[in-house]
Amino acid sequence: MRPTPGWMTMTDVIILDFLHDHDLELSPKPLYRNLVRHGHDIGYSTVRGRVRALEEQDLLQKDDDGYYELTGRGRAYLAGELDAADLE
C-alpha cells in the first residue's frame, strides 16, 4: 500500500494514477477534461492547484510548454517505493 502524507488529497492520487496509467503529459485543462471523461467529479481549479502542489513535492514536473509529467520520484511513489516520511 502506498503511503499518503497529510498534505496529499485523493485528487492527487487520481491525477498521478491517471498520468501513469495512460502514459501521458498534459497541461491542467486537458488533464481536467480527461479526468471528467473517465468519471471523476473534479473541478478544473482543483486540478490546476493540485498539479502545482504535486510539482512542489517533485512528483510531477512541468515543461516549458506547461505540460505535466511524472518524475522519477512520482513513479517511485506509485510503485510504493517511498516511505511516508519521504513525502512530508
C-alpha atoms as a PDB file:
ATOM      1  CA  MET A   1       0.000   0.000   0.000  1.00  0.00           C
ATOM      2  CA  ARG A   2       1.217   3.489  -0.839  1.00  0.00           C
ATOM      3  CA  PRO A   3       1.921   5.972   1.932  1.00  0.00           C
ATOM      4  CA  THR A   4      -0.321   9.018   1.970  1.00  0.00           C
ATOM      5  CA  PRO A   5       1.186  12.061   3.687  1.00  0.00           C
ATOM      6  CA  GLY A   6      -1.073  14.605   5.358  1.00  0.00           C
ATOM      7  CA  TRP A   7      -0.808  17.151   2.537  1.00  0.00           C
ATOM      8  CA  MET A   8      -1.899  14.695  -0.166  1.00  0.00           C
ATOM      9  CA  THR A   9      -5.517  14.550  -1.307  1.00  0.00           C
ATOM     10  CA  MET A  10      -7.470  11.851  -3.125  1.00  0.00           C
ATOM     11  CA  THR A  11      -7.360  14.119  -6.182  1.00  0.00           C
ATOM     12  CA  ASP A  12      -3.558  13.913  -6.099  1.00  0.00           C
ATOM     13  CA  VAL A  13      -3.697  10.130  -6.203  1.00  0.00           C
ATOM     14  CA  ILE A  14      -6.219  10.223  -9.066  1.00  0.00           C
ATOM     15  CA  ILE A  15      -4.014  12.623 -11.068  1.00  0.00           C
ATOM     16  CA  LEU A  16      -0.848  10.586 -10.519  1.00  0.00           C
ATOM     17  CA  ASP A  17      -2.560   7.293 -11.336  1.00  0.00           C
ATOM     18  CA  PHE A  18      -4.182   8.744 -14.464  1.00  0.00           C
ATOM     19  CA  LEU A  19      -0.952  10.148 -15.874  1.00  0.00           C
ATOM     20  CA  HIS A  20       0.829   6.884 -15.118  1.00  0.00           C
ATOM     21  CA  ASP A  21      -1.882   4.549 -16.415  1.00  0.00           C
ATOM     22  CA  HIS A  22      -2.245   6.455 -19.683  1.00  0.00           C
ATOM     23  CA  ASP A  23       1.458   7.365 -20.039  1.00  0.00           C
ATOM     24  CA  LEU A  24       0.601  10.994 -20.727  1.00  0.00           C
ATOM     25  CA  GLU A  25       1.989  14.504 -20.408  1.00  0.00           C
ATOM     26  CA  LEU A  26      -0.857  17.005 -20.084  1.00  0.00           C
ATOM     27  CA  SER A  27      -1.477  20.619 -19.177  1.00  0.00           C
ATOM     28  CA  PRO A  28      -4.130  21.210 -16.494  1.00  0.00           C
ATOM     29  CA  LYS A  29      -7.117  21.854 -18.817  1.00  0.00           C
ATOM     30  CA  PRO A  30      -6.795  18.669 -20.921  1.00  0.00           C
ATOM     31  CA  LEU A  31      -5.980  16.715 -17.749  1.00  0.00           C
ATOM     32  CA  TYR A  32      -9.166  18.015 -16.132  1.00  0.00           C
ATOM     33  CA  ARG A  33     -11.266  17.216 -19.221  1.00  0.00           C
ATOM     34  CA  ASN A  34      -9.894  13.675 -19.443  1.00  0.00           C
ATOM     35  CA  LEU A  35     -10.412  13.022 -15.742  1.00  0.00           C
ATOM     36  CA  VAL A  36     -14.064  14.098 -16.085  1.00  0.00           C
ATOM     37  CA  ARG A  37     -14.459  11.912 -19.198  1.00  0.00           C
ATOM     38  CA  HIS A  38     -13.216   8.983 -17.119  1.00  0.00           C
ATOM     39  CA  GLY A  39     -15.863   9.565 -14.459  1.00  0.00           C
ATOM     40  CA  HIS A  40     -14.024  11.674 -11.879  1.00  0.00           C
ATOM     41  CA  ASP A  41     -16.009  14.517 -10.314  1.00  0.00           C
ATOM     42  CA  ILE A  42     -13.176  17.049 -10.031  1.00  0.00           C
ATOM     43  CA  GLY A  43     -13.234  20.768 -10.780  1.00  0.00           C
ATOM     44  CA  TYR A  44     -10.758  22.467 -13.083  1.00  0.00           C
ATOM     45  CA  SER A  45      -9.462  24.828 -10.393  1.00  0.00           C
ATOM     46  CA  THR A  46      -8.827  21.823  -8.148  1.00  0.00           C
ATOM     47  CA  VAL A  47      -6.819  20.047 -10.848  1.00  0.00           C
ATOM     48  CA  ARG A  48      -4.863  23.222 -11.604  1.00  0.00           C
ATOM     49  CA  GLY A  49      -3.991  23.693  -7.934  1.00  0.00           C
ATOM     50  CA  ARG A  50      -3.149  20.066  -7.257  1.00  0.00           C
ATOM     51  CA  VAL A  51      -0.727  19.693 -10.194  1.00  0.00           C
ATOM     52  CA  ARG A  52       1.151  22.675  -8.783  1.00  0.00           C
ATOM     53  CA  ALA A  53       1.245  21.049  -5.337  1.00  0.00           C
ATOM     54  CA  LEU A  54       2.476  17.782  -6.862  1.00  0.00           C
ATOM     55  CA  GLU A  55       5.160  19.706  -8.744  1.00  0.00           C
ATOM     56  CA  GLU A  56       6.280  21.354  -5.488  1.00  0.00           C
ATOM     57  CA  GLN A  57       6.657  17.879  -3.977  1.00  0.00           C
ATOM     58  CA  ASP A  58       8.685  16.724  -7.041  1.00  0.00           C
ATOM     59  CA  LEU A  59       6.097  14.105  -8.003  1.00  0.00           C
ATOM     60  CA  LEU A  60       5.301  15.938 -11.253  1.00  0.00           C
ATOM     61  CA  GLN A  61       7.415  18.204 -13.411  1.00  0.00           C
ATOM     62  CA  LYS A  62       6.242  20.872 -15.827  1.00  0.00           C
ATOM     63  CA  ASP A  63       7.993  21.520 -19.116  1.00  0.00           C
ATOM     64  CA  ASP A  64       8.359  24.882 -20.862  1.00  0.00           C
ATOM     65  CA  ASP A  65       5.046  24.371 -22.698  1.00  0.00           C
ATOM     66  CA  GLY A  66       3.092  23.837 -19.448  1.00  0.00           C
ATOM     67  CA  TYR A  67       2.704  20.072 -19.704  1.00  0.00           C
ATOM     68  CA  TYR A  68       2.999  17.991 -16.548  1.00  0.00           C
ATOM     69  CA  GLU A  69       4.501  14.522 -16.387  1.00  0.00           C
ATOM     70  CA  LEU A  70       5.534  12.128 -13.655  1.00  0.00           C
ATOM     71  CA  THR A  71       9.027  12.449 -12.232  1.00  0.00           C
ATOM     72  CA  GLY A  72      11.167   9.529 -11.129  1.00  0.00           C
ATOM     73  CA  ARG A  73      10.041  10.323  -7.589  1.00  0.00           C
ATOM     74  CA  GLY A  74       6.409  10.238  -8.767  1.00  0.00           C
ATOM     75  CA  ARG A  75       6.940   6.829 -10.331  1.00  0.00           C
ATOM     76  CA  ALA A  76       8.656   5.618  -7.148  1.00  0.00           C
ATOM     77  CA  TYR A  77       5.660   6.820  -5.118  1.00  0.00           C
ATOM     78  CA  LEU A  78       3.234   4.946  -7.362  1.00  0.00           C
ATOM     79  CA  ALA A  79       5.371   1.805  -7.108  1.00  0.00           C
ATOM     80  CA  GLY A  80       5.215   2.004  -3.294  1.00  0.00           C
ATOM     81  CA  GLU A  81       8.961   2.601  -3.027  1.00  0.00           C
ATOM     82  CA  LEU A  82       8.793   5.751  -0.867  1.00  0.00           C
ATOM     83  CA  ASP A  83       8.201   5.952   2.879  1.00  0.00           C
ATOM     84  CA  ALA A  84       5.569   8.406   4.125  1.00  0.00           C
ATOM     85  CA  ALA A  85       8.404  10.355   5.810  1.00  0.00           C
ATOM     86  CA  ASP A  86       9.995  10.874   2.378  1.00  0.00           C
ATOM     87  CA  LEU A  87       6.857  12.698   1.262  1.00  0.00           C
ATOM     88  CA  GLU A  88       6.450  15.067   4.221  1.00  0.00           C
END
